[in-house]
C-alpha cells in the first residue's frame, strides 16, 4: 500500500488502536464490500443526475453496518456529495421529530473539504456561485446592482421551496444582507436558525421576518431548500444515513408508531420527487425489518421494504433492502493481513516478517474463540489487539516476538455489551497463541 499518505495511514491506524471505526480511509480495508460497489456507484450517479434513492441496510450487531455507512460516505464525498450520519435514539434524536433529525443532520453535515458542520461554508459557497452566474450573464461593476441581481437570482432558484417553506428563503435573504452590512452576530444567529437550532434570539428572527422554531413539517421544507443550495453550488447531492434505527423497537408504542409513520412519510416524499439529490439510507438489525415491533407494524412501510433473502451468494445489491452477512474466519484473517500491510508500509521492516500471515490467522482464531466463536462481532476487538498489542510492540521493540512474549487476554472492561455477552461471565479470558 505504498500509495497511501502517512497522514491517511495514521488516521486509520489510530482509530483501530482505539477500537473505533475510522471516519476516513475505509476503502483501504473494505474487505467483502466489492460486491456492492457497482450498484452503489450507479445509485450515486442517479442521485447526482437529479434523482433520489432510498436504501435499507440490514445486519446483525457487529456485521459492519456503521462501517458500511462510512464507506459509502467516502465514496459519495469523492463524487462531490455532502454527507451526514445520524444516530437515531429515543432521547437525543427521536425519528418522529423530524425537526430534531434535521438539526442533527446539519450538525453532522460535511463534505470532502469541510468538516461538520459545513452548513455555513456551503451557503457561503452558494452565494459565491450565484455571483459568478450573474457576472457570467452580464458585467456589473456596481456593488448594489450586483447584490440586487444575486438576490433576484436566489429568489428564482428557491422559488419552488419558497412556495412551501417561505421562511427558508427569507432567512437566506436576511443572512446575505447581514453579511453585506458586516453584522456578523446577526449572520451567525440566522445560520443557527436555518440549521434548525432552537432558542434563537427574537431579534434575529425578526430581522428575517420569521417566527417561532422549526417544526416537524417545516423540517422537510428546509431539507428541500438545503438540497437546492447543494445542487446549485456544484455538489453531487446529499447522503443522509439514519443509523441504528432499530432503537424504535425499544420505545413506547405510541412513539414507535410515530417514528414508523415519519419513516413512511420520508419514503413517500423521496418517491414523490420532492427531494432530488437525496440518497437516504437506514440501517437496522433483522428483527427491525422482520419482527412484530419493527416495520411489520406498518403495512405500507413493510411492503415498500420487502425483499426476499435466500442464498447470500445471490443477494441483489440493487434491491431496496440489502444485507450484510458479517465475517467468517477467512475474511477476518484477510482483514488482519490488510491492516498488517497498511501498518508495515510506514513501520520497521521487521513488522511484515514477524507478524506473518500464519500469526495473523492464529490471532483471529484466538480472538474469535474468546468471543464464544462468534466471528461476526470479532473485527473491532481483533483489530485493536492486532494494532495495539502486536504491531505497535513489534515496531518499537526489536526483541519482541508475539509468539513468545504475548498472550491474548480479553477483559470484560474493554468489551462492548454485545461482545461481553458473547465472551461469557468470566472477568478475564486468557488464550495462548
Protein backbone atom coordinates (compact mmCIF):
# COMPACT_ATOMS: atom_id res chain seq x y z
CA UNK A 1 0.00 0.00 0.00
CA UNK A 2 2.80 2.37 -0.89
CA UNK A 3 0.37 4.87 -2.44
CA UNK A 4 -1.22 5.73 0.91
CA UNK A 5 -0.15 9.01 2.52
CA UNK A 6 1.35 8.86 6.04
CA UNK A 7 -1.44 11.10 7.40
CA UNK A 8 -4.18 8.87 5.97
CA UNK A 9 -2.45 5.73 7.24
CA UNK A 10 -2.00 7.22 10.70
CA UNK A 11 -5.66 8.26 10.91
CA UNK A 12 -6.82 4.73 10.18
CA UNK A 13 -4.32 3.02 12.49
CA UNK A 14 -5.02 5.43 15.37
CA UNK A 15 -8.77 4.78 15.16
CA UNK A 16 -8.28 0.99 15.13
CA UNK A 17 -5.93 1.29 18.12
CA UNK A 18 -8.80 3.00 19.99
CA UNK A 19 -11.25 0.33 18.90
CA UNK A 20 -13.34 2.70 16.78
CA UNK A 21 -14.36 2.87 13.12
CA UNK A 22 -12.26 5.43 11.23
CA UNK A 23 -14.15 8.27 9.57
CA UNK A 24 -11.80 8.26 6.58
CA UNK A 25 -9.69 5.72 4.73
CA UNK A 26 -12.23 2.92 4.92
CA UNK A 27 -11.61 1.98 1.31
CA UNK A 28 -8.16 0.82 2.43
CA UNK A 29 -9.60 -2.19 4.27
CA UNK A 30 -13.16 -2.63 2.97
CA UNK A 31 -12.94 -6.42 2.85
CA UNK A 32 -16.01 -8.05 1.32
CA UNK A 33 -17.77 -4.89 0.11
CA UNK A 34 -16.66 -5.07 -3.51
CA UNK A 35 -19.90 -6.87 -4.41
CA UNK A 36 -21.83 -3.68 -3.60
CA UNK A 37 -19.63 -1.22 -5.47
CA UNK A 38 -21.24 -1.34 -8.91
CA UNK A 39 -24.79 -0.95 -7.62
CA UNK A 40 -23.88 1.75 -5.10
CA UNK A 41 -21.98 3.78 -7.69
CA UNK A 42 -24.93 3.53 -10.10
CA UNK A 43 -27.27 4.81 -7.38
CA UNK A 44 -24.94 7.71 -6.60
CA UNK A 45 -24.95 8.54 -10.31
CA UNK A 46 -28.76 8.55 -10.25
CA UNK A 47 -28.79 10.99 -7.35
CA UNK A 48 -26.16 13.21 -8.94
CA UNK A 49 -28.35 13.32 -12.04
CA UNK A 50 -31.27 14.78 -10.09
CA UNK A 51 -32.90 11.59 -8.85
CA UNK A 52 -33.39 10.30 -5.32
CA UNK A 53 -32.59 6.92 -3.76
CA UNK A 54 -33.68 5.11 -0.63
CA UNK A 55 -31.68 2.16 0.71
CA UNK A 56 -32.16 -0.08 3.75
CA UNK A 57 -29.18 -2.00 5.13
CA UNK A 58 -29.79 -4.91 7.49
CA UNK A 59 -27.31 -6.83 9.55
CA UNK A 60 -26.80 -8.33 12.99
CA UNK A 61 -24.83 -6.45 15.62
CA UNK A 62 -21.19 -6.48 14.58
CA UNK A 63 -21.91 -7.17 10.92
CA UNK A 64 -20.39 -3.85 9.88
CA UNK A 65 -23.39 -1.54 9.31
CA UNK A 66 -21.62 1.55 10.63
CA UNK A 67 -18.53 0.64 8.63
CA UNK A 68 -20.65 0.22 5.50
CA UNK A 69 -22.32 3.60 6.05
CA UNK A 70 -18.99 5.39 6.40
CA UNK A 71 -17.55 3.50 3.45
CA UNK A 72 -20.49 4.70 1.38
CA UNK A 73 -19.99 8.25 2.68
CA UNK A 74 -16.38 8.20 1.50
CA UNK A 75 -17.43 7.09 -1.97
CA UNK A 76 -20.11 9.79 -2.02
CA UNK A 77 -17.70 12.53 -0.97
CA UNK A 78 -15.31 11.58 -3.74
CA UNK A 79 -18.20 12.31 -6.12
CA UNK A 80 -18.79 15.73 -4.60
CA UNK A 81 -21.61 14.80 -2.22
CA UNK A 82 -22.24 16.26 1.20
CA UNK A 83 -22.93 13.63 3.86
CA UNK A 84 -24.43 13.33 7.33
CA UNK A 85 -24.58 10.31 9.64
CA UNK A 86 -27.29 10.47 12.32
CA UNK A 87 -27.66 8.08 15.24
CA UNK A 88 -31.34 7.56 15.97
CA UNK A 89 -32.11 7.43 19.68
CA UNK A 90 -35.18 7.80 21.86
CA UNK A 91 -33.87 10.78 23.82
CA UNK A 92 -31.36 12.60 21.60
CA UNK A 93 -32.75 12.07 18.10
CA UNK A 94 -36.23 10.50 18.05
CA UNK A 95 -37.21 9.68 14.48
CA UNK A 96 -40.73 11.05 14.78
CA UNK A 97 -39.39 14.55 15.49
CA UNK A 98 -38.10 15.40 12.05
CA UNK A 99 -37.10 18.88 13.20
CA UNK A 100 -34.59 17.22 15.54
CA UNK A 101 -33.43 14.84 12.82
CA UNK A 102 -32.86 17.85 10.52
CA UNK A 103 -30.92 19.66 13.25
CA UNK A 104 -28.65 16.64 13.79
CA UNK A 105 -28.24 16.39 10.00
CA UNK A 106 -26.94 19.96 9.85
CA UNK A 107 -24.69 19.47 12.88
CA UNK A 108 -23.05 16.46 11.21
CA UNK A 109 -23.08 17.84 7.66
CA UNK A 110 -19.68 17.52 6.00
CA UNK A 111 -18.02 17.45 2.59
CA UNK A 112 -14.66 16.26 1.34
CA UNK A 113 -13.27 19.73 2.06
CA UNK A 114 -15.32 20.82 5.09
CA UNK A 115 -15.76 19.06 8.44
CA UNK A 116 -19.02 19.18 10.41
CA UNK A 117 -20.86 21.44 10.49
CA UNK A 118 -20.34 22.57 6.93
CA UNK A 119 -23.63 24.46 6.59
CA UNK A 120 -22.19 27.97 6.65
CA UNK A 121 -19.39 27.09 4.23
CA UNK A 122 -21.91 25.52 1.87
CA UNK A 123 -24.23 28.52 1.95
CA UNK A 124 -21.37 30.99 1.52
CA UNK A 125 -20.15 28.90 -1.42
CA UNK A 126 -23.64 29.03 -2.89
CA UNK A 127 -23.76 32.82 -2.76
CA UNK A 128 -20.36 32.92 -4.44
CA UNK A 129 -21.71 30.63 -7.18
CA UNK A 130 -24.72 32.91 -7.64
CA UNK A 131 -22.40 35.89 -8.03
CA UNK A 132 -20.36 34.02 -10.63
CA UNK A 133 -23.53 33.10 -12.53
CA UNK A 134 -24.74 36.70 -12.51
CA UNK A 135 -21.38 38.05 -13.70
CA UNK A 136 -21.26 35.42 -16.43
CA UNK A 137 -24.53 36.79 -17.83
CA UNK A 138 -23.73 40.49 -17.58
CA UNK A 139 -20.88 42.71 -16.47
CA UNK A 140 -21.75 44.56 -13.26
CA UNK A 141 -19.36 46.87 -11.50
CA UNK A 142 -21.72 48.50 -9.02
CA UNK A 143 -21.87 46.59 -5.72
CA UNK A 144 -25.51 47.45 -5.10
CA UNK A 145 -26.54 46.28 -8.56
CA UNK A 146 -24.62 43.04 -8.08
CA UNK A 147 -26.24 42.43 -4.69
CA UNK A 148 -29.69 43.07 -6.16
CA UNK A 149 -29.03 40.76 -9.13
CA UNK A 150 -27.77 37.98 -6.84
CA UNK A 151 -30.86 38.30 -4.64
CA UNK A 152 -33.09 38.15 -7.70
CA UNK A 153 -31.34 35.00 -8.92
CA UNK A 154 -31.56 33.48 -5.44
CA UNK A 155 -35.31 34.03 -5.41
CA UNK A 156 -35.67 32.29 -8.77
CA UNK A 157 -33.58 29.31 -7.64
CA UNK A 158 -35.57 28.97 -4.41
CA UNK A 159 -38.97 29.63 -5.97
CA UNK A 160 -40.21 26.06 -5.56
CA UNK A 161 -39.01 25.85 -1.96
CA UNK A 162 -40.41 29.28 -1.13
CA UNK A 163 -43.90 28.16 -2.18
CA UNK A 164 -43.97 25.58 0.63
CA UNK A 165 -41.35 26.93 3.06
CA UNK A 166 -41.01 30.71 2.58
CA UNK A 167 -39.13 31.01 5.88
CA UNK A 168 -36.08 29.24 4.42
CA UNK A 169 -35.75 31.73 1.57
CA UNK A 170 -36.45 34.63 3.93
CA UNK A 171 -33.70 33.54 6.31
CA UNK A 172 -31.19 33.15 3.46
CA UNK A 173 -32.08 36.61 2.18
CA UNK A 174 -31.61 38.12 5.64
CA UNK A 175 -28.34 36.21 6.11
CA UNK A 176 -26.88 37.67 2.91
CA UNK A 177 -27.91 41.18 3.90
CA UNK A 178 -26.31 40.71 7.31
CA UNK A 179 -23.06 39.66 5.62
CA UNK A 180 -23.11 42.64 3.27
CA UNK A 181 -23.70 45.03 6.17
CA UNK A 182 -20.99 43.43 8.31
CA UNK A 183 -23.41 42.31 11.05
CA UNK A 184 -21.69 39.00 11.82
CA UNK A 185 -23.63 38.41 15.04
CA UNK A 186 -26.91 38.54 13.15
CA UNK A 187 -25.45 36.32 10.42
CA UNK A 188 -24.44 33.69 13.00
CA UNK A 189 -27.92 33.75 14.50
CA UNK A 190 -29.55 33.28 11.11
CA UNK A 191 -27.29 30.35 10.24
CA UNK A 192 -28.30 28.76 13.55
CA UNK A 193 -31.97 29.23 12.72
CA UNK A 194 -31.53 27.83 9.18
CA UNK A 195 -29.80 24.85 10.84
CA UNK A 196 -32.88 24.21 12.97
CA UNK A 197 -31.34 25.26 16.27
CA UNK A 198 -33.90 26.17 18.96
CA UNK A 199 -33.86 29.24 21.19
CA UNK A 200 -32.58 31.65 18.54
CA UNK A 201 -32.95 35.25 19.76
CA UNK A 202 -36.18 37.01 18.82
CA UNK A 203 -34.36 39.94 17.20
CA UNK A 204 -32.60 37.54 14.82
CA UNK A 205 -35.89 36.03 13.66
CA UNK A 206 -37.45 39.48 13.46
CA UNK A 207 -34.70 40.60 11.07
CA UNK A 208 -35.68 37.78 8.72
CA UNK A 209 -39.40 38.24 9.21
CA UNK A 210 -39.87 34.75 10.63
CA UNK A 211 -41.39 33.47 13.86
CA UNK A 212 -41.01 30.51 16.18
CA UNK A 213 -38.76 27.48 15.86
CA UNK A 214 -38.59 24.86 13.15
CA UNK A 215 -41.34 22.24 13.39
CA UNK A 216 -41.85 18.72 12.01
CA UNK A 217 -43.31 19.82 8.67
CA UNK A 218 -41.01 22.78 8.23
CA UNK A 219 -38.03 20.41 8.54
CA UNK A 220 -38.98 18.74 5.25
CA UNK A 221 -39.08 22.12 3.53
CA UNK A 222 -35.71 23.08 4.99
CA UNK A 223 -34.25 19.79 3.73
CA UNK A 224 -35.63 20.61 0.30
CA UNK A 225 -34.01 24.05 0.49
CA UNK A 226 -30.67 22.58 1.57
CA UNK A 227 -30.73 20.21 -1.41
CA UNK A 228 -31.35 23.17 -3.73
CA UNK A 229 -28.39 25.04 -2.27
CA UNK A 230 -26.15 21.97 -2.62
CA UNK A 231 -27.18 21.34 -6.21
CA UNK A 232 -26.73 24.96 -7.25
CA UNK A 233 -23.28 25.17 -5.66
CA UNK A 234 -21.97 22.19 -7.61
CA UNK A 235 -22.35 19.34 -5.12
CA UNK A 236 -23.39 15.94 -6.41
CA UNK A 237 -26.10 15.55 -3.79
CA UNK A 238 -26.63 14.72 -0.12
CA UNK A 239 -26.18 11.34 1.55
CA UNK A 240 -28.11 11.00 4.82
CA UNK A 241 -27.60 7.89 6.95
CA UNK A 242 -30.09 7.13 9.72
CA UNK A 243 -28.11 4.64 11.79
CA UNK A 244 -29.36 2.25 14.50
CA UNK A 245 -32.97 2.77 13.51
CA UNK A 246 -33.81 -0.47 15.34
CA UNK A 247 -34.00 1.61 18.54
CA UNK A 248 -37.64 2.21 17.54
CA UNK A 249 -38.37 -1.29 18.82
CA UNK A 250 -37.48 -0.28 22.37
CA UNK A 251 -39.60 2.83 22.77
CA UNK A 252 -43.20 3.30 23.90
CA UNK A 253 -45.75 2.00 21.42
CA UNK A 254 -47.12 5.46 20.60
CA UNK A 255 -43.60 6.82 19.97
CA UNK A 256 -42.79 3.78 17.84
CA UNK A 257 -45.89 4.31 15.70
CA UNK A 258 -44.98 7.96 15.19
CA UNK A 259 -41.42 7.02 14.22
CA UNK A 260 -42.57 4.44 11.68
CA UNK A 261 -45.02 6.95 10.22
CA UNK A 262 -42.23 9.52 9.94
CA UNK A 263 -40.12 6.98 8.05
CA UNK A 264 -43.04 6.18 5.75
CA UNK A 265 -43.53 9.89 5.15
CA UNK A 266 -39.87 10.29 4.20
CA UNK A 267 -40.13 7.41 1.73
CA UNK A 268 -43.31 8.88 0.23
CA UNK A 269 -41.56 12.21 -0.27
CA UNK A 270 -38.49 10.55 -1.82
CA UNK A 271 -40.68 8.51 -4.20
CA UNK A 272 -42.78 11.58 -4.96
CA UNK A 273 -39.78 13.51 -6.26
CA UNK A 274 -39.70 16.17 -3.56
CA UNK A 275 -36.03 15.61 -2.73
CA UNK A 276 -33.96 15.50 -5.93
CA UNK A 277 -30.33 14.93 -5.00
CA UNK A 278 -31.02 12.93 -1.81
CA UNK A 279 -29.62 9.48 -1.04
CA UNK A 280 -31.35 8.32 2.15
CA UNK A 281 -30.08 5.19 3.85
CA UNK A 282 -31.26 3.49 7.04
CA UNK A 283 -29.50 0.71 8.94
CA UNK A 284 -31.09 -1.80 11.27
CA UNK A 285 -31.00 -5.33 12.61
CA UNK A 286 -33.06 -8.18 11.08
CA UNK A 287 -35.68 -8.09 13.89
CA UNK A 288 -36.44 -4.48 12.98
CA UNK A 289 -37.23 -5.46 9.41
CA UNK A 290 -38.90 -8.80 10.14
CA UNK A 291 -40.21 -8.64 13.72
CA UNK A 292 -43.54 -7.53 15.09
CA UNK A 293 -42.08 -4.44 16.80
CA UNK A 294 -40.47 -3.05 13.65
CA UNK A 295 -41.63 -2.09 10.19
CA UNK A 296 -44.09 -5.01 10.03
CA UNK A 297 -46.35 -2.93 12.29
CA UNK A 298 -46.92 -0.53 9.39
CA UNK A 299 -48.07 -2.45 6.33
CA UNK A 300 -47.30 0.24 3.70
CA UNK A 301 -43.75 0.53 5.02
CA UNK A 302 -43.25 -3.24 5.16
CA UNK A 303 -44.46 -3.59 1.57
CA UNK A 304 -42.02 -0.97 0.31
CA UNK A 305 -39.03 -2.60 2.00
CA UNK A 306 -39.96 -6.23 1.37
CA UNK A 307 -37.03 -8.20 -0.06
CA UNK A 308 -36.61 -11.97 -0.38
CA UNK A 309 -33.38 -13.37 1.04
CA UNK A 310 -32.16 -16.90 0.39
CA UNK A 311 -28.64 -17.91 -0.60
CA UNK A 312 -26.35 -14.96 0.28
CA UNK A 313 -24.33 -15.62 -2.86
CA UNK A 314 -27.24 -14.37 -4.93
CA UNK A 315 -28.30 -11.35 -2.87
CA UNK A 316 -29.26 -8.48 -5.16
CA UNK A 317 -27.23 -5.34 -4.31
CA UNK A 318 -29.70 -3.26 -6.35
CA UNK A 319 -32.62 -4.19 -4.09
CA UNK A 320 -34.17 -1.58 -1.81
CA UNK A 321 -33.07 -3.71 1.18
CA UNK A 322 -29.63 -5.31 1.27
CA UNK A 323 -27.99 -7.39 3.98
CA UNK A 324 -24.52 -7.59 5.44
CA UNK A 325 -23.58 -11.15 6.32
CA UNK A 326 -20.63 -10.23 8.52
CA UNK A 327 -17.31 -12.04 8.74
CA UNK A 328 -16.17 -15.61 8.64
CA UNK A 329 -12.69 -16.60 9.80
CA UNK A 330 -11.29 -16.35 6.29
CA UNK A 331 -12.49 -12.76 5.86
CA UNK A 332 -11.34 -11.84 9.37
CA UNK A 333 -7.83 -13.12 8.68
CA UNK A 334 -7.82 -11.34 5.31
CA UNK A 335 -8.80 -8.11 7.08
CA UNK A 336 -5.94 -8.59 9.53
CA UNK A 337 -3.44 -9.07 6.70
CA UNK A 338 -4.65 -5.90 5.00
CA UNK A 339 -4.18 -3.89 8.19
CA UNK A 340 -0.78 -5.52 8.82
CA UNK A 341 0.36 -4.48 5.34
CA UNK A 342 -1.00 -0.95 5.80
CA UNK A 343 0.83 -0.63 9.11
CA UNK A 344 4.06 -2.18 7.80
CA UNK A 345 4.27 0.31 4.93
CA UNK A 346 5.21 3.05 7.40
CA UNK A 347 6.93 0.97 10.08
CA UNK A 348 10.08 -1.05 10.77
CA UNK A 349 10.68 -3.73 8.11
CA UNK A 350 10.54 -6.49 10.72
CA UNK A 351 6.79 -5.92 11.18
CA UNK A 352 5.90 -7.77 7.99
CA UNK A 353 8.42 -10.52 8.79
CA UNK A 354 7.46 -11.21 12.40
CA UNK A 355 3.69 -10.72 12.07
CA UNK A 356 3.33 -13.13 9.16
CA UNK A 357 0.11 -14.47 7.63
CA UNK A 358 0.09 -17.52 9.89
CA UNK A 359 0.30 -15.43 13.04
CA UNK A 360 -2.49 -13.10 11.86
CA UNK A 361 -4.71 -16.13 11.27
CA UNK A 362 -3.85 -17.57 14.70
CA UNK A 363 -4.74 -14.29 16.38
CA UNK A 364 -8.05 -14.12 14.51
CA UNK A 365 -8.90 -17.64 15.68
CA UNK A 366 -7.92 -16.83 19.28
CA UNK A 367 -9.96 -13.62 19.48
CA UNK A 368 -12.96 -15.32 17.94
CA UNK A 369 -12.64 -18.14 20.45
CA UNK A 370 -12.57 -15.64 23.28
CA UNK A 371 -15.88 -14.26 22.00
CA UNK A 372 -17.66 -17.59 22.01
CA UNK A 373 -16.76 -18.38 18.41
CA UNK A 374 -18.91 -15.52 17.09
CA UNK A 375 -16.81 -14.22 14.21
CA UNK A 376 -19.32 -11.52 13.30
CA UNK A 377 -18.64 -9.45 16.40
CA UNK A 378 -14.87 -10.05 16.49
CA UNK A 379 -13.44 -7.47 13.99
CA UNK A 380 -13.31 -4.47 16.35
CA UNK A 381 -11.52 -6.30 19.16
CA UNK A 382 -9.34 -8.30 16.78
CA UNK A 383 -8.04 -5.20 15.01
CA UNK A 384 -7.47 -3.39 18.29
CA UNK A 385 -5.41 -6.27 19.66
CA UNK A 386 -3.52 -6.63 16.39
CA UNK A 387 -2.54 -2.96 16.26
CA UNK A 388 -2.10 -2.06 19.94
CA UNK A 389 -0.69 -5.27 21.38
CA UNK A 390 1.17 -6.78 18.45
CA UNK A 391 2.09 -4.41 15.62
CA UNK A 392 2.99 -1.48 17.88
CA UNK A 393 5.27 -3.64 20.02
CA UNK A 394 6.97 -5.34 17.09
CA UNK A 395 7.60 -1.92 15.56
CA UNK A 396 9.06 -0.43 18.76
CA UNK A 397 10.95 -3.32 20.36
CA UNK A 398 13.47 -5.24 18.27
CA UNK A 399 13.43 -8.31 20.50
CA UNK A 400 9.62 -8.56 20.81
CA UNK A 401 8.18 -11.74 19.34
CA UNK A 402 4.40 -12.02 19.77
CA UNK A 403 4.56 -15.81 19.70
CA UNK A 404 6.80 -15.86 22.78
CA UNK A 405 6.04 -12.60 24.57
CA UNK A 406 2.31 -12.05 24.10
CA UNK A 407 -0.63 -13.97 25.48
CA UNK A 408 -4.03 -12.77 24.36
CA UNK A 409 -6.08 -11.51 27.29
CA UNK A 410 -9.67 -10.34 26.93
CA UNK A 411 -11.10 -8.48 29.92
CA UNK A 412 -14.75 -7.58 30.28
CA UNK A 413 -13.87 -3.91 30.80
CA UNK A 414 -12.72 -3.49 27.21
CA UNK A 415 -15.76 -5.15 25.65
CA UNK A 416 -18.98 -3.68 24.35
CA UNK A 417 -22.21 -5.11 25.73
CA UNK A 418 -22.64 -7.39 22.72
CA UNK A 419 -19.04 -8.62 22.97
CA UNK A 420 -19.36 -9.15 26.71
CA UNK A 421 -22.44 -11.32 26.28
CA UNK A 422 -20.60 -13.42 23.71
CA UNK A 423 -17.50 -13.79 25.88
CA UNK A 424 -19.46 -15.11 28.85
CA UNK A 425 -19.21 -14.16 32.50
CA UNK A 426 -15.51 -14.65 33.15
CA UNK A 427 -13.66 -11.50 34.19
CA UNK A 428 -10.67 -12.40 32.07
CA UNK A 429 -10.10 -14.86 29.24
CA UNK A 430 -6.50 -15.83 28.54
CA UNK A 431 -5.67 -17.63 25.34
CA UNK A 432 -2.27 -18.84 24.22
CA UNK A 433 -1.38 -18.38 20.58
